[in-house]
Amino acid sequence: MYKFKGKEYPCCASLTMGVIGGKWKTVILFHLIEGTLRYSELRKQMPTVTERTLSLQLKTLEEDGIIKRKVYTSKPPLKVEYSLTDFGKTLIPVVQIIADWGVSAVEEKGEVIE
């Protein structure tokens, strides 16, 4: 058994999927690989995600120490930026391999829709 952030997992693969699994977490991480993005920029990159879901996934990733949230309140309007933490950056190879597999799967058995 493994324990991470108060949750127990039966194996290390389960722990990893608990942190980055689901429909949107890996997508968020993929977009943050290139650098910091504002909330609105993330929304544009992920047009089919609901605002509620995006907010909840960002919050969970932040609680797990994978991303950091920076709020600028010096002048309106409020500006919020998200970026990978050093711990989150350790997931870049994992996320990149997942993305690469998606590209090869499309090349072999799918199609690109523009």
PDB file of N, CA and C in Angstrom:
ATOM      1  N   MET A   1       0.839  -1.181   0.000  1.00  0.00           N
ATOM      2  CA  MET A   1       0.000   0.000   0.000  1.00  0.00           C
ATOM      3  C   MET A   1       0.887   1.250   0.000  1.00  0.00           C
ATOM      4  N   TYR A   2       0.377   2.271  -0.646  1.00  0.00           N
ATOM      5  CA  TYR A   2       1.073   3.556  -0.702  1.00  0.00           C
ATOM      6  C   TYR A   2       0.136   4.633  -0.172  1.00  0.00           C
ATOM      7  N   LYS A   3       0.698   5.641   0.465  1.00  0.00           N
ATOM      8  CA  LYS A   3      -0.092   6.743   0.983  1.00  0.00           C
ATOM      9  C   LYS A   3       0.479   8.042   0.445  1.00  0.00           C
ATOM     10  N   PHE A   4      -0.405   8.893  -0.099  1.00  0.00           N
ATOM     11  CA  PHE A   4       0.006  10.182  -0.658  1.00  0.00           C
ATOM     12  C   PHE A   4      -1.086  11.192  -0.379  1.00  0.00           C
ATOM     13  N   LYS A   5      -0.730  12.271   0.276  1.00  0.00           N
ATOM     14  CA  LYS A   5      -1.667  13.348   0.601  1.00  0.00           C
ATOM     15  C   LYS A   5      -2.914  12.820   1.315  1.00  0.00           C
ATOM     16  N   GLY A   6      -2.705  11.880   2.226  1.00  0.00           N
ATOM     17  CA  GLY A   6      -3.796  11.348   3.033  1.00  0.00           C
ATOM     18  C   GLY A   6      -4.629  10.264   2.372  1.00  0.00           C
ATOM     19  N   LYS A   7      -4.350   9.926   1.126  1.00  0.00           N
ATOM     20  CA  LYS A   7      -5.102   8.883   0.436  1.00  0.00           C
ATOM     21  C   LYS A   7      -4.229   7.645   0.291  1.00  0.00           C
ATOM     22  N   GLU A   8      -4.858   6.480   0.368  1.00  0.00           N
ATOM     23  CA  GLU A   8      -4.136   5.230   0.215  1.00  0.00           C
ATOM     24  C   GLU A   8      -4.362   4.644  -1.177  1.00  0.00           C
ATOM     25  N   TYR A   9      -3.317   4.055  -1.706  1.00  0.00           N
ATOM     26  CA  TYR A   9      -3.353   3.458  -3.041  1.00  0.00           C
ATOM     27  C   TYR A   9      -2.774   2.050  -2.970  1.00  0.00           C
ATOM     28  N   PRO A  10      -3.353   1.091  -3.714  1.00  0.00           N
ATOM     29  CA  PRO A  10      -2.878  -0.288  -3.654  1.00  0.00           C
ATOM     30  C   PRO A  10      -1.533  -0.523  -4.357  1.00  0.00           C
ATOM     31  N   CYS A  11      -1.172   0.351  -5.304  1.00  0.00           N
ATOM     32  CA  CYS A  11       0.112   0.205  -6.000  1.00  0.00           C
ATOM     33  C   CYS A  11       0.575   1.566  -6.502  1.00  0.00           C
ATOM     34  N   CYS A  12       1.827   1.626  -6.963  1.00  0.00           N
ATOM     35  CA  CYS A  12       2.385   2.901  -7.409  1.00  0.00           C
ATOM     36  C   CYS A  12       1.692   3.403  -8.683  1.00  0.00           C
ATOM     37  N   ALA A  13       1.249   2.498  -9.559  1.00  0.00           N
ATOM     38  CA  ALA A  13       0.534   2.924 -10.768  1.00  0.00           C
ATOM     39  C   ALA A  13      -0.807   3.560 -10.391  1.00  0.00           C
ATOM     40  N   SER A  14      -1.461   3.001  -9.407  1.00  0.00           N
ATOM     41  CA  SER A  14      -2.724   3.548  -8.923  1.00  0.00           C
ATOM     42  C   SER A  14      -2.527   4.950  -8.344  1.00  0.00           C
ATOM     43  N   LEU A  15      -1.428   5.136  -7.612  1.00  0.00           N
ATOM     44  CA  LEU A  15      -1.111   6.450  -7.060  1.00  0.00           C
ATOM     45  C   LEU A  15      -0.915   7.464  -8.188  1.00  0.00           C
ATOM     46  N   THR A  16      -0.124   7.096  -9.189  1.00  0.00           N
ATOM     47  CA  THR A  16       0.126   8.005 -10.311  1.00  0.00           C
ATOM     48  C   THR A  16      -1.178   8.383 -10.999  1.00  0.00           C
ATOM     49  N   MET A  17      -2.021   7.387 -11.268  1.00  0.00           N
ATOM     50  CA  MET A  17      -3.291   7.669 -11.938  1.00  0.00           C
ATOM     51  C   MET A  17      -4.233   8.461 -11.035  1.00  0.00           C
ATOM     52  N   GLY A  18      -4.109   8.284  -9.742  1.00  0.00           N
ATOM     53  CA  GLY A  18      -4.901   9.079  -8.814  1.00  0.00           C
ATOM     54  C   GLY A  18      -4.538  10.553  -8.874  1.00  0.00           C
ATOM     55  N   VAL A  19      -3.280  10.836  -9.132  1.00  0.00           N
ATOM     56  CA  VAL A  19      -2.810  12.219  -9.196  1.00  0.00           C
ATOM     57  C   VAL A  19      -3.069  12.838 -10.568  1.00  0.00           C
ATOM     58  N   ILE A  20      -2.801  12.093 -11.664  1.00  0.00           N
ATOM     59  CA  ILE A  20      -2.931  12.698 -13.004  1.00  0.00           C
ATOM     60  C   ILE A  20      -4.049  12.098 -13.835  1.00  0.00           C
ATOM     61  N   GLY A  21      -4.778  11.133 -13.277  1.00  0.00           N
ATOM     62  CA  GLY A  21      -5.829  10.459 -14.037  1.00  0.00           C
ATOM     63  C   GLY A  21      -7.060  11.323 -14.235  1.00  0.00           C
ATOM     64  N   GLY A  22      -7.990  10.779 -14.970  1.00  0.00           N
ATOM     65  CA  GLY A  22      -9.203  11.508 -15.287  1.00  0.00           C
ATOM     66  C   GLY A  22      -9.084  12.155 -16.649  1.00  0.00           C
ATOM     67  N   LYS A  23     -10.156  12.736 -17.086  1.00  0.00           N
ATOM     68  CA  LYS A  23     -10.216  13.270 -18.446  1.00  0.00           C
ATOM     69  C   LYS A  23      -9.379  14.529 -18.645  1.00  0.00           C
ATOM     70  N   TRP A  24      -9.231  15.367 -17.612  1.00  0.00           N
ATOM     71  CA  TRP A  24      -8.663  16.699 -17.828  1.00  0.00           C
ATOM     72  C   TRP A  24      -7.319  16.977 -17.184  1.00  0.00           C
ATOM     73  N   LYS A  25      -6.947  16.280 -16.137  1.00  0.00           N
ATOM     74  CA  LYS A  25      -5.700  16.617 -15.442  1.00  0.00           C
ATOM     75  C   LYS A  25      -4.478  16.522 -16.351  1.00  0.00           C
ATOM     76  N   THR A  26      -4.373  15.440 -17.104  1.00  0.00           N
ATOM     77  CA  THR A  26      -3.222  15.272 -17.987  1.00  0.00           C
ATOM     78  C   THR A  26      -3.223  16.325 -19.085  1.00  0.00           C
ATOM     79  N   VAL A  27      -4.414  16.704 -19.551  1.00  0.00           N
ATOM     80  CA  VAL A  27      -4.532  17.741 -20.580  1.00  0.00           C
ATOM     81  C   VAL A  27      -4.042  19.084 -20.023  1.00  0.00           C
ATOM     82  N   ILE A  28      -4.425  19.395 -18.804  1.00  0.00           N
ATOM     83  CA  ILE A  28      -3.961  20.624 -18.149  1.00  0.00           C
ATOM     84  C   ILE A  28      -2.436  20.604 -18.055  1.00  0.00           C
ATOM     85  N   LEU A  29      -1.895  19.492 -17.576  1.00  0.00           N
ATOM     86  CA  LEU A  29      -0.436  19.386 -17.438  1.00  0.00           C
ATOM     87  C   LEU A  29       0.262  19.523 -18.788  1.00  0.00           C
ATOM     88  N   PHE A  30      -0.305  18.913 -19.822  1.00  0.00           N
ATOM     89  CA  PHE A  30       0.274  19.003 -21.167  1.00  0.00           C
ATOM     90  C   PHE A  30       0.381  20.465 -21.610  1.00  0.00           C
ATOM     91  N   HIS A  31      -0.655  21.247 -21.362  1.00  0.00           N
ATOM     92  CA  HIS A  31      -0.635  22.651 -21.778  1.00  0.00           C
ATOM     93  C   HIS A  31       0.305  23.498 -20.918  1.00  0.00           C
ATOM     94  N   LEU A  32       0.552  23.080 -19.687  1.00  0.00           N
ATOM     95  CA  LEU A  32       1.455  23.843 -18.813  1.00  0.00           C
ATOM     96  C   LEU A  32       2.922  23.472 -18.999  1.00  0.00           C
ATOM     97  N   ILE A  33       3.213  22.447 -19.811  1.00  0.00           N
ATOM     98  CA  ILE A  33       4.605  22.060 -20.055  1.00  0.00           C
ATOM     99  C   ILE A  33       5.391  23.226 -20.645  1.00  0.00           C
ATOM    100  N   GLU A  34       4.777  23.968 -21.543  1.00  0.00           N
ATOM    101  CA  GLU A  34       5.473  25.075 -22.214  1.00  0.00           C
ATOM    102  C   GLU A  34       5.668  26.291 -21.322  1.00  0.00           C
ATOM    103  N   GLY A  35       4.932  26.366 -20.211  1.00  0.00           N
ATOM    104  CA  GLY A  35       5.099  27.498 -19.304  1.00  0.00           C
ATOM    105  C   GLY A  35       3.800  27.939 -18.668  1.00  0.00           C
ATOM    106  N   THR A  36       3.861  29.072 -18.019  1.00  0.00           N
ATOM    107  CA  THR A  36       2.748  29.622 -17.263  1.00  0.00           C
ATOM    108  C   THR A  36       1.606  30.045 -18.188  1.00  0.00           C
ATOM    109  N   LEU A  37       0.381  29.753 -17.752  1.00  0.00           N
ATOM    110  CA  LEU A  37      -0.809  30.175 -18.495  1.00  0.00           C
ATOM    111  C   LEU A  37      -1.818  30.782 -17.541  1.00  0.00           C
ATOM    112  N   ARG A  38      -2.533  31.772 -18.037  1.00  0.00           N
ATOM    113  CA  ARG A  38      -3.649  32.338 -17.283  1.00  0.00           C
ATOM    114  C   ARG A  38      -4.843  31.404 -17.410  1.00  0.00           C
ATOM    115  N   TYR A  39      -5.785  31.536 -16.503  1.00  0.00           N
ATOM    116  CA  TYR A  39      -6.981  30.700 -16.508  1.00  0.00           C
ATOM    117  C   TYR A  39      -7.682  30.787 -17.862  1.00  0.00           C
ATOM    118  N   SER A  40      -7.835  31.990 -18.382  1.00  0.00           N
ATOM    119  CA  SER A  40      -8.537  32.172 -19.661  1.00  0.00           C
ATOM    120  C   SER A  40      -7.779  31.508 -20.815  1.00  0.00           C
ATOM    121  N   GLU A  41      -6.463  31.496 -20.747  1.00  0.00           N
ATOM    122  CA  GLU A  41      -5.664  30.838 -21.787  1.00  0.00           C
ATOM    123  C   GLU A  41      -5.851  29.320 -21.741  1.00  0.00           C
ATOM    124  N   LEU A  42      -5.922  28.780 -20.538  1.00  0.00           N
ATOM    125  CA  LEU A  42      -6.197  27.350 -20.401  1.00  0.00           C
ATOM    126  C   LEU A  42      -7.576  27.015 -20.967  1.00  0.00           C
ATOM    127  N   ARG A  43      -8.556  27.845 -20.677  1.00  0.00           N
ATOM    128  CA  ARG A  43      -9.921  27.628 -21.184  1.00  0.00           C
ATOM    129  C   ARG A  43      -9.940  27.613 -22.706  1.00  0.00           C
ATOM    130  N   LYS A  44      -9.175  28.496 -23.334  1.00  0.00           N
ATOM    131  CA  LYS A  44      -9.116  28.532 -24.799  1.00  0.00           C
ATOM    132  C   LYS A  44      -8.482  27.270 -25.362  1.00  0.00           C
ATOM    133  N   GLN A  45      -7.486  26.716 -24.651  1.00  0.00           N
ATOM    134  CA  GLN A  45      -6.821  25.495 -25.084  1.00  0.00           C
ATOM    135  C   GLN A  45      -7.722  24.273 -24.922  1.00  0.00           C
ATOM    136  N   MET A  46      -8.718  24.385 -24.042  1.00  0.00           N
ATOM    137  CA  MET A  46      -9.588  23.257 -23.704  1.00  0.00           C
ATOM    138  C   MET A  46     -11.050  23.689 -23.815  1.00  0.00           C
ATOM    139  N   PRO A  47     -11.522  23.966 -25.028  1.00  0.00           N
ATOM    140  CA  PRO A  47     -12.847  24.559 -25.193  1.00  0.00           C
ATOM    141  C   PRO A  47     -14.021  23.677 -24.752  1.00  0.00           C
ATOM    142  N   THR A  48     -13.828  22.372 -24.643  1.00  0.00           N
ATOM    143  CA  THR A  48     -14.951  21.510 -24.276  1.00  0.00           C
ATOM    144  C   THR A  48     -15.070  21.252 -22.773  1.00  0.00           C
ATOM    145  N   VAL A  49     -14.111  21.713 -21.984  1.00  0.00           N
ATOM    146  CA  VAL A  49     -14.196  21.533 -20.533  1.00  0.00           C
ATOM    147  C   VAL A  49     -15.094  22.623 -19.948  1.00  0.00           C
ATOM    148  N   THR A  50     -15.893  22.268 -18.952  1.00  0.00           N
ATOM    149  CA  THR A  50     -16.724  23.277 -18.296  1.00  0.00           C
ATOM    150  C   THR A  50     -15.863  24.075 -17.322  1.00  0.00           C
ATOM    151  N   GLU A  51     -16.305  25.280 -17.023  1.00  0.00           N
ATOM    152  CA  GLU A  51     -15.551  26.114 -16.081  1.00  0.00           C
ATOM    153  C   GLU A  51     -15.464  25.450 -14.715  1.00  0.00           C
ATOM    154  N   ARG A  52     -16.554  24.841 -14.282  1.00  0.00           N
ATOM    155  CA  ARG A  52     -16.580  24.183 -12.981  1.00  0.00           C
ATOM    156  C   ARG A  52     -15.563  23.043 -12.940  1.00  0.00           C
ATOM    157  N   THR A  53     -15.552  22.208 -13.970  1.00  0.00           N
ATOM    158  CA  THR A  53     -14.620  21.080 -14.017  1.00  0.00           C
ATOM    159  C   THR A  53     -13.181  21.559 -14.047  1.00  0.00           C
ATOM    160  N   LEU A  54     -12.897  22.566 -14.885  1.00  0.00           N
ATOM    161  CA  LEU A  54     -11.537  23.097 -14.957  1.00  0.00           C
ATOM    162  C   LEU A  54     -11.102  23.630 -13.602  1.00  0.00           C
ATOM    163  N   SER A  55     -11.960  24.388 -12.957  1.00  0.00           N
ATOM    164  CA  SER A  55     -11.633  24.943 -11.641  1.00  0.00           C
ATOM    165  C   SER A  55     -11.358  23.845 -10.622  1.00  0.00           C
ATOM    166  N   LEU A  56     -12.191  22.813 -10.605  1.00  0.00           N
ATOM    167  CA  LEU A  56     -12.003  21.710  -9.656  1.00  0.00           C
ATOM    168  C   LEU A  56     -10.715  20.937  -9.926  1.00  0.00           C
ATOM    169  N   GLN A  57     -10.409  20.693 -11.199  1.00  0.00           N
ATOM    170  CA  GLN A  57      -9.189  19.962 -11.539  1.00  0.00           C
ATOM    171  C   GLN A  57      -7.948  20.778 -11.197  1.00  0.00           C
ATOM    172  N   LEU A  58      -7.991  22.076 -11.456  1.00  0.00           N
ATOM    173  CA  LEU A  58      -6.868  22.948 -11.089  1.00  0.00           C
ATOM    174  C   LEU A  58      -6.663  22.952  -9.577  1.00  0.00           C
ATOM    175  N   LYS A  59      -7.753  23.013  -8.842  1.00  0.00           N
ATOM    176  CA  LYS A  59      -7.676  23.018  -7.385  1.00  0.00           C
ATOM    177  C   LYS A  59      -7.058  21.717  -6.871  1.00  0.00           C
ATOM    178  N   THR A  60      -7.482  20.591  -7.426  1.00  0.00           N
ATOM    179  CA  THR A  60      -6.948  19.293  -7.016  1.00  0.00           C
ATOM    180  C   THR A  60      -5.459  19.187  -7.334  1.00  0.00           C
ATOM    181  N   LEU A  61      -5.059  19.603  -8.534  1.00  0.00           N
ATOM    182  CA  LEU A  61      -3.647  19.576  -8.906  1.00  0.00           C
ATOM    183  C   LEU A  61      -2.815  20.485  -8.001  1.00  0.00           C
ATOM    184  N   GLU A  62      -3.391  21.610  -7.609  1.00  0.00           N
ATOM    185  CA  GLU A  62      -2.694  22.518  -6.695  1.00  0.00           C
ATOM    186  C   GLU A  62      -2.558  21.880  -5.307  1.00  0.00           C
ATOM    187  N   GLU A  63      -3.625  21.264  -4.826  1.00  0.00           N
ATOM    188  CA  GLU A  63      -3.582  20.603  -3.520  1.00  0.00           C
ATOM    189  C   GLU A  63      -2.555  19.472  -3.492  1.00  0.00           C
ATOM    190  N   ASP A  64      -2.377  18.792  -4.617  1.00  0.00           N
ATOM    191  CA  ASP A  64      -1.409  17.708  -4.701  1.00  0.00           C
ATOM    192  C   ASP A  64       0.016  18.200  -4.932  1.00  0.00           C
ATOM    193  N   GLY A  65       0.186  19.517  -5.062  1.00  0.00           N
ATOM    194  CA  GLY A  65       1.523  20.085  -5.220  1.00  0.00           C
ATOM    195  C   GLY A  65       2.078  19.967  -6.632  1.00  0.00           C
ATOM    196  N   ILE A  66       1.201  19.721  -7.609  1.00  0.00           N
ATOM    197  CA  ILE A  66       1.629  19.539  -8.995  1.00  0.00           C
ATOM    198  C   ILE A  66       1.702  20.880  -9.734  1.00  0.00           C
ATOM    199  N   ILE A  67       0.762  21.750  -9.449  1.00  0.00           N
ATOM    200  CA  ILE A  67       0.781  23.085 -10.066  1.00  0.00           C
ATOM    201  C   ILE A  67       0.734  24.144  -8.974  1.00  0.00           C
ATOM    202  N   LYS A  68       1.147  25.355  -9.344  1.00  0.00           N
ATOM    203  CA  LYS A  68       1.027  26.477  -8.418  1.00  0.00           C
ATOM    204  C   LYS A  68       0.144  27.528  -9.052  1.00  0.00           C
ATOM    205  N   ARG A  69      -0.578  28.205  -8.200  1.00  0.00           N
ATOM    206  CA  ARG A  69      -1.526  29.240  -8.612  1.00  0.00           C
ATOM    207  C   ARG A  69      -1.024  30.559  -8.060  1.00  0.00           C
ATOM    208  N   LYS A  70      -0.889  31.533  -8.940  1.00  0.00           N
ATOM    209  CA  LYS A  70      -0.432  32.854  -8.502  1.00  0.00           C
ATOM    210  C   LYS A  70      -1.514  33.864  -8.849  1.00  0.00           C
ATOM    211  N   VAL A  71      -1.936  34.625  -7.845  1.00  0.00           N
ATOM    212  CA  VAL A  71      -2.989  35.623  -8.024  1.00  0.00           C
ATOM    213  C   VAL A  71      -2.373  37.004  -7.936  1.00  0.00           C
ATOM    214  N   TYR A  72      -2.659  37.827  -8.942  1.00  0.00           N
ATOM    215  CA  TYR A  72      -2.202  39.214  -8.954  1.00  0.00           C
ATOM    216  C   TYR A  72      -3.392  40.092  -8.609  1.00  0.00           C
ATOM    217  N   THR A  73      -3.287  40.796  -7.487  1.00  0.00           N
ATOM    218  CA  THR A  73      -4.402  41.631  -7.029  1.00  0.00           C
ATOM    219  C   THR A  73      -4.069  43.116  -7.027  1.00  0.00           C
ATOM    220  N   SER A  74      -2.901  43.465  -7.556  1.00  0.00           N
ATOM    221  CA  SER A  74      -2.459  44.856  -7.468  1.00  0.00           C
ATOM    222  C   SER A  74      -3.378  45.823  -8.197  1.00  0.00           C
ATOM    223  N   LYS A  75      -3.939  45.376  -9.321  1.00  0.00           N
ATOM    224  CA  LYS A  75      -4.873  46.253 -10.029  1.00  0.00           C
ATOM    225  C   LYS A  75      -5.940  45.397 -10.710  1.00  0.00           C
ATOM    226  N   PRO A  76      -7.169  45.896 -10.731  1.00  0.00           N
ATOM    227  CA  PRO A  76      -8.233  45.145 -11.405  1.00  0.00           C
ATOM    228  C   PRO A  76      -7.980  45.116 -12.906  1.00  0.00           C
ATOM    229  N   PRO A  77      -8.419  44.121 -13.633  1.00  0.00           N
ATOM    230  CA  PRO A  77      -9.112  42.939 -13.122  1.00  0.00           C
ATOM    231  C   PRO A  77      -8.131  41.935 -12.515  1.00  0.00           C
ATOM    232  N   LEU A  78      -8.676  41.082 -11.668  1.00  0.00           N
ATOM    233  CA  LEU A  78      -7.896  40.043 -11.023  1.00  0.00           C
ATOM    234  C   LEU A  78      -7.246  39.151 -12.076  1.00  0.00           C
ATOM    235  N   LYS A  79      -5.980  38.823 -11.878  1.00  0.00           N
ATOM    236  CA  LYS A  79      -5.243  37.984 -12.828  1.00  0.00           C
ATOM    237  C   LYS A  79      -4.746  36.751 -12.082  1.00  0.00           C
ATOM    238  N   VAL A  80      -5.034  35.560 -12.625  1.00  0.00           N
ATOM    239  CA  VAL A  80      -4.608  34.301 -12.016  1.00  0.00           C
ATOM    240  C   VAL A  80      -3.796  33.520 -13.041  1.00  0.00           C
ATOM    241  N   GLU A  81      -2.613  33.071 -12.623  1.00  0.00           N
ATOM    242  CA  GLU A  81      -1.743  32.297 -13.500  1.00  0.00           C
ATOM    243  C   GLU A  81      -1.454  30.937 -12.873  1.00  0.00           C
ATOM    244  N   TYR A  82      -1.286  29.936 -13.738  1.00  0.00           N
ATOM    245  CA  TYR A  82      -0.971  28.580 -13.299  1.00  0.00           C
ATOM    246  C   TYR A  82       0.326  28.133 -13.952  1.00  0.00           C
ATOM    247  N   SER A  83       1.134  27.412 -13.186  1.00  0.00           N
ATOM    248  CA  SER A  83       2.381  26.850 -13.712  1.00  0.00           C
ATOM    249  C   SER A  83       2.693  25.569 -12.960  1.00  0.00           C
ATOM    250  N   LEU A  84       3.588  24.776 -13.526  1.00  0.00           N
ATOM    251  CA  LEU A  84       4.017  23.546 -12.874  1.00  0.00           C
ATOM    252  C   LEU A  84       4.976  23.864 -11.732  1.00  0.00           C
ATOM    253  N   THR A  85       4.838  23.149 -10.641  1.00  0.00           N
ATOM    254  CA  THR A  85       5.819  23.245  -9.564  1.00  0.00           C
ATOM    255  C   THR A  85       7.033  22.396  -9.970  1.00  0.00           C
ATOM    256  N   ASP A  86       8.086  22.460  -9.192  1.00  0.00           N
ATOM    257  CA  ASP A  86       9.238  21.590  -9.468  1.00  0.00           C
ATOM    258  C   ASP A  86       8.806  20.123  -9.403  1.00  0.00           C
ATOM    259  N   PHE A  87       7.960  19.793  -8.439  1.00  0.00           N
ATOM    260  CA  PHE A  87       7.431  18.441  -8.317  1.00  0.00           C
ATOM    261  C   PHE A  87       6.584  18.092  -9.547  1.00  0.00           C
ATOM    262  N   GLY A  88       5.770  19.037 -10.001  1.00  0.00           N
ATOM    263  CA  GLY A  88       4.949  18.828 -11.190  1.00  0.00           C
ATOM    264  C   GLY A  88       5.782  18.620 -12.444  1.00  0.00           C
ATOM    265  N   LYS A  89       6.916  19.294 -12.518  1.00  0.00           N
ATOM    266  CA  LYS A  89       7.793  19.155 -13.691  1.00  0.00           C
ATOM    267  C   LYS A  89       8.358  17.741 -13.821  1.00  0.00           C
ATOM    268  N   THR A  90       8.383  16.991 -12.718  1.00  0.00           N
ATOM    269  CA  THR A  90       8.847  15.608 -12.803  1.00  0.00           C
ATOM    270  C   THR A  90       7.878  14.745 -13.604  1.00  0.00           C
ATOM    271  N   LEU A  91       6.666  15.228 -13.821  1.00  0.00           N
ATOM    272  CA  LEU A  91       5.671  14.498 -14.614  1.00  0.00           C
ATOM    273  C   LEU A  91       5.776  14.778 -16.113  1.00  0.00           C
ATOM    274  N   ILE A  92       6.600  15.736 -16.513  1.00  0.00           N
ATOM    275  CA  ILE A  92       6.701  16.088 -17.938  1.00  0.00           C
ATOM    276  C   ILE A  92       7.016  14.881 -18.810  1.00  0.00           C
ATOM    277  N   PRO A  93       8.004  14.046 -18.463  1.00  0.00           N
ATOM    278  CA  PRO A  93       8.265  12.884 -19.329  1.00  0.00           C
ATOM    279  C   PRO A  93       7.062  11.940 -19.440  1.00  0.00           C
ATOM    280  N   VAL A  94       6.344  11.763 -18.353  1.00  0.00           N
ATOM    281  CA  VAL A  94       5.162  10.894 -18.354  1.00  0.00           C
ATOM    282  C   VAL A  94       4.085  11.464 -19.273  1.00  0.00           C
ATOM    283  N   VAL A  95       3.802  12.743 -19.108  1.00  0.00           N
ATOM    284  CA  VAL A  95       2.775  13.398 -19.924  1.00  0.00           C
ATOM    285  C   VAL A  95       3.195  13.420 -21.389  1.00  0.00           C
ATOM    286  N   GLN A  96       4.470  13.657 -21.662  1.00  0.00           N
ATOM    287  CA  GLN A  96       4.952  13.699 -23.045  1.00  0.00           C
ATOM    288  C   GLN A  96       4.828  12.329 -23.707  1.00  0.00           C
ATOM    289  N   ILE A  97       5.122  11.273 -22.973  1.00  0.00           N
ATOM    290  CA  ILE A  97       4.978   9.926 -23.529  1.00  0.00           C
ATOM    291  C   ILE A  97       3.509   9.613 -23.818  1.00  0.00           C
ATOM    292  N   ILE A  98       2.615  10.036 -22.938  1.00  0.00           N
ATOM    293  CA  ILE A  98       1.185   9.844 -23.174  1.00  0.00           C
ATOM    294  C   ILE A  98       0.762  10.589 -24.443  1.00  0.00           C
ATOM    295  N   ALA A  99       1.221  11.827 -24.601  1.00  0.00           N
ATOM    296  CA  ALA A  99       0.896  12.615 -25.794  1.00  0.00           C
ATOM    297  C   ALA A  99       1.483  11.985 -27.053  1.00  0.00           C
ATOM    298  N   ASP A 100       2.715  11.524 -26.967  1.00  0.00           N
ATOM    299  CA  ASP A 100       3.359  10.880 -28.116  1.00  0.00           C
ATOM    300  C   ASP A 100       2.607   9.623 -28.535  1.00  0.00           C
ATOM    301  N   TRP A 101       2.139   8.858 -27.552  1.00  0.00           N
ATOM    302  CA  TRP A 101       1.370   7.661 -27.870  1.00  0.00           C
ATOM    303  C   TRP A 101       0.084   8.047 -28.605  1.00  0.00           C
ATOM    304  N   GLY A 102      -0.543   9.138 -28.174  1.00  0.00           N
ATOM    305  CA  GLY A 102      -1.757   9.609 -28.850  1.00  0.00           C
ATOM    306  C   GLY A 102      -1.496   9.949 -30.306  1.00  0.00           C
ATOM    307  N   VAL A 103      -0.374  10.600 -30.581  1.00  0.00           N
ATOM    308  CA  VAL A 103      -0.002  10.934 -31.960  1.00  0.00           C
ATOM    309  C   VAL A 103       0.192   9.655 -32.772  1.00  0.00           C
ATOM    310  N   SER A 104       0.913   8.678 -32.220  1.00  0.00           N
ATOM    311  CA  SER A 104       1.157   7.441 -32.970  1.00  0.00           C
ATOM    312  C   SER A 104      -0.131   6.640 -33.154  1.00  0.00           C
ATOM    313  N   ALA A 105      -1.028   6.674 -32.182  1.00  0.00           N
ATOM    314  CA  ALA A 105      -2.294   5.980 -32.331  1.00  0.00           C
ATOM    315  C   ALA A 105      -3.125   6.575 -33.459  1.00  0.00           C
ATOM    316  N   VAL A 106      -3.132   7.906 -33.577  1.00  0.00           N
ATOM    317  CA  VAL A 106      -3.856   8.568 -34.661  1.00  0.00           C
ATOM    318  C   VAL A 106      -3.228   8.222 -36.001  1.00  0.00           C
ATOM    319  N   GLU A 107      -1.906   8.223 -36.030  1.00  0.00           N
ATOM    320  CA  GLU A 107      -1.204   7.902 -37.288  1.00  0.00           C
ATOM    321  C   GLU A 107      -1.509   6.475 -37.743  1.00  0.00           C
ATOM    322  N   GLU A 108      -1.634   5.563 -36.786  1.00  0.00           N
ATOM    323  CA  GLU A 108      -1.837   4.165 -37.137  1.00  0.00           C
ATOM    324  C   GLU A 108      -3.312   3.801 -37.355  1.00  0.00           C
ATOM    325  N   LYS A 109      -4.198   4.351 -36.522  1.00  0.00           N
ATOM    326  CA  LYS A 109      -5.574   3.865 -36.549  1.00  0.00           C
ATOM    327  C   LYS A 109      -6.642   4.961 -36.577  1.00  0.00           C
ATOM    328  N   GLY A 110      -6.220   6.217 -36.659  1.00  0.00           N
ATOM    329  CA  GLY A 110      -7.208   7.289 -36.560  1.00  0.00           C
ATOM    330  C   GLY A 110      -7.055   8.325 -37.635  1.00  0.00           C
ATOM    331  N   GLU A 111      -7.565   9.505 -37.332  1.00  0.00           N
ATOM    332  CA  GLU A 111      -7.456  10.628 -38.247  1.00  0.00           C
ATOM    333  C   GLU A 111      -7.451  11.923 -37.465  1.00  0.00           C
ATOM    334  N   VAL A 112      -6.831  12.942 -38.032  1.00  0.00           N
ATOM    335  CA  VAL A 112      -6.799  14.266 -37.438  1.00  0.00           C
ATOM    336  C   VAL A 112      -7.993  15.040 -37.953  1.00  0.00           C
ATOM    337  N   ILE A 113      -8.776  15.619 -37.033  1.00  0.00           N
ATOM    338  CA  ILE A 113      -9.936  16.416 -37.425  1.00  0.00           C
ATOM    339  C   ILE A 113      -9.601  17.879 -37.167  1.00  0.00           C
ATOM    340  N   GLU A 114      -9.700  18.675 -38.177  1.00  0.00           N
ATOM    341  CA  GLU A 114      -9.379  20.113 -38.027  1.00  0.00           C
ATOM    342  C   GLU A 114     -10.611  20.896 -37.698  1.00  0.00           C
TER     343      GLU A 114
END
